[in-house]
C-alpha cells in the first residue's frame, strides 16, 4: 500500500550533506528510499550549469522513474503552487477543496497502480 504525504520534503529525490540523514521515506508513495553515500556531483541545475560539484548523499525512491510516480509529483507541485497563488492573491478559492480534489486524484492513481501489480 502506498502512502502520499503533503508534508514530506521530497518528490522521490533528496540530497543532503554526507551522513546527515540515515534513511528517508518518499513523500509520493511512502517507500523507503535507496541511498548512495558520498556522491561527488552537482545536486541541481544551477550547480550543473556552473560545472560545480560537491560531496553529498543522494536518496532516490525505487519508483522514481515510474510514470504514475512522476504524474503525482507533478500534480503535487502544481497544487502547492496553486495554494500559494490562492494565499498571495486572495482569489477566494478554498485551499481545502483544492487539497481534497488532489487527494482524490492521487487515490485514483494509486488504485490503478495497485490493480496492475
Protein backbone atom coordinates (compact mmCIF):
# COMPACT_ATOMS: atom_id res chain seq x y z
CA UNK A 1 0.00 0.00 0.00
CA UNK A 2 1.37 3.38 -1.00
CA UNK A 3 1.19 6.44 1.25
CA UNK A 4 1.08 10.00 -0.06
CA UNK A 5 2.20 12.94 2.10
CA UNK A 6 1.71 16.69 1.74
CA UNK A 7 4.21 17.36 4.50
CA UNK A 8 7.17 15.46 3.05
CA UNK A 9 10.28 17.26 1.88
CA UNK A 10 10.90 15.32 -1.34
CA UNK A 11 9.25 14.08 -4.53
CA UNK A 12 11.29 10.90 -4.68
CA UNK A 13 14.71 12.55 -4.80
CA UNK A 14 16.54 14.06 -1.84
CA UNK A 15 20.12 15.19 -1.26
CA UNK A 16 21.90 16.25 1.93
CA UNK A 17 25.37 16.73 3.36
CA UNK A 18 27.20 13.42 3.82
CA UNK A 19 25.95 11.24 6.67
CA UNK A 20 23.43 13.82 8.00
CA UNK A 21 20.41 11.60 7.33
CA UNK A 22 20.28 7.86 7.97
CA UNK A 23 17.16 7.00 5.97
CA UNK A 24 14.39 8.74 4.06
CA UNK A 25 10.82 7.95 3.06
CA UNK A 26 9.41 9.05 -0.27
CA UNK A 27 6.71 11.72 0.10
CA UNK A 28 4.94 10.50 -3.04
CA UNK A 29 4.49 6.80 -2.27
CA UNK A 30 5.83 6.25 1.26
CA UNK A 31 8.50 3.70 0.38
CA UNK A 32 11.92 3.73 1.99
CA UNK A 33 14.33 5.42 -0.40
CA UNK A 34 17.58 3.94 -1.73
CA UNK A 35 20.72 5.85 -0.71
CA UNK A 36 24.09 6.48 -2.32
CA UNK A 37 26.63 7.84 0.15
CA UNK A 38 29.40 10.35 -0.61
CA UNK A 39 28.37 11.20 -4.16
CA UNK A 40 30.53 13.89 -5.77
CA UNK A 41 28.28 15.59 -8.29
CA UNK A 42 26.02 18.58 -8.92
CA UNK A 43 22.74 18.50 -6.97
CA UNK A 44 20.71 20.92 -9.08
CA UNK A 45 20.58 22.67 -12.43
CA UNK A 46 22.40 25.76 -11.10
CA UNK A 47 25.42 23.76 -9.95
CA UNK A 48 25.33 21.74 -13.12
CA UNK A 49 25.28 24.80 -15.38
CA UNK A 50 28.22 26.28 -13.46
CA UNK A 51 30.03 22.93 -13.68
CA UNK A 52 30.20 22.82 -9.88
CA UNK A 53 30.10 19.68 -7.77
CA UNK A 54 30.15 18.86 -4.10
CA UNK A 55 30.06 15.82 -1.84
CA UNK A 56 26.59 14.73 -0.70
CA UNK A 57 24.34 11.74 -0.04
CA UNK A 58 21.64 11.04 -2.64
CA UNK A 59 18.34 9.36 -1.75
CA UNK A 60 16.10 8.07 -4.56
CA UNK A 61 12.72 6.37 -4.48
CA UNK A 62 12.61 2.90 -6.08
CA UNK A 63 9.54 4.14 -8.02
CA UNK A 64 11.12 7.43 -9.14
CA UNK A 65 11.09 6.54 -12.86
CA UNK A 66 7.56 5.11 -12.87
CA UNK A 67 5.14 7.26 -14.89
CA UNK A 68 2.48 7.26 -12.15
CA UNK A 69 5.10 8.49 -9.63
CA UNK A 70 6.14 11.32 -11.96
CA UNK A 71 2.49 12.25 -12.52
CA UNK A 72 1.77 12.51 -8.79
CA UNK A 73 4.98 14.51 -8.21
CA UNK A 74 3.99 17.00 -10.93
CA UNK A 75 0.44 17.21 -9.62
CA UNK A 76 1.61 17.70 -6.01
CA UNK A 77 3.91 20.52 -7.09
CA UNK A 78 1.18 22.22 -9.15
CA UNK A 79 -1.29 22.06 -6.26
CA UNK A 80 1.27 23.57 -3.87
CA UNK A 81 1.89 26.41 -6.34
CA UNK A 82 -1.87 26.89 -6.76
CA UNK A 83 -2.31 27.16 -2.97
CA UNK A 84 0.41 29.81 -2.83
CA UNK A 85 -1.43 31.76 -5.54
CA UNK A 86 -4.70 31.44 -3.55
CA UNK A 87 -2.95 32.80 -0.45
CA UNK A 88 -0.98 35.58 -2.10
CA UNK A 89 -3.71 36.93 -4.37
CA UNK A 90 -6.75 36.18 -2.15
CA UNK A 91 -8.61 34.64 -5.08
CA UNK A 92 -11.45 33.48 -2.83
CA UNK A 93 -10.86 29.84 -3.74
CA UNK A 94 -10.83 27.25 -0.99
CA UNK A 95 -7.47 25.67 -0.12
CA UNK A 96 -9.34 22.74 1.38
CA UNK A 97 -11.24 21.99 -1.83
CA UNK A 98 -8.01 22.19 -3.81
CA UNK A 99 -6.34 19.70 -1.46
CA UNK A 100 -9.33 17.32 -1.37
CA UNK A 101 -9.52 17.33 -5.18
CA UNK A 102 -5.82 16.48 -5.35
CA UNK A 103 -6.11 13.69 -2.79
CA UNK A 104 -8.99 12.14 -4.75
CA UNK A 105 -6.90 12.14 -7.92
CA UNK A 106 -3.91 10.62 -6.08
CA UNK A 107 -6.15 7.85 -4.65
CA UNK A 108 -7.35 7.01 -8.18
CA UNK A 109 -3.76 6.84 -9.46
CA UNK A 110 -2.69 4.56 -6.56
CA UNK A 111 -5.75 2.33 -7.08
CA UNK A 112 -4.86 1.99 -10.76
CA UNK A 113 -1.23 1.16 -9.97
CA UNK A 114 -2.11 -1.39 -7.27
CA UNK A 115 -4.68 -3.02 -9.59
CA UNK A 116 -1.91 -3.61 -12.14
CA UNK A 117 0.56 -5.14 -9.67
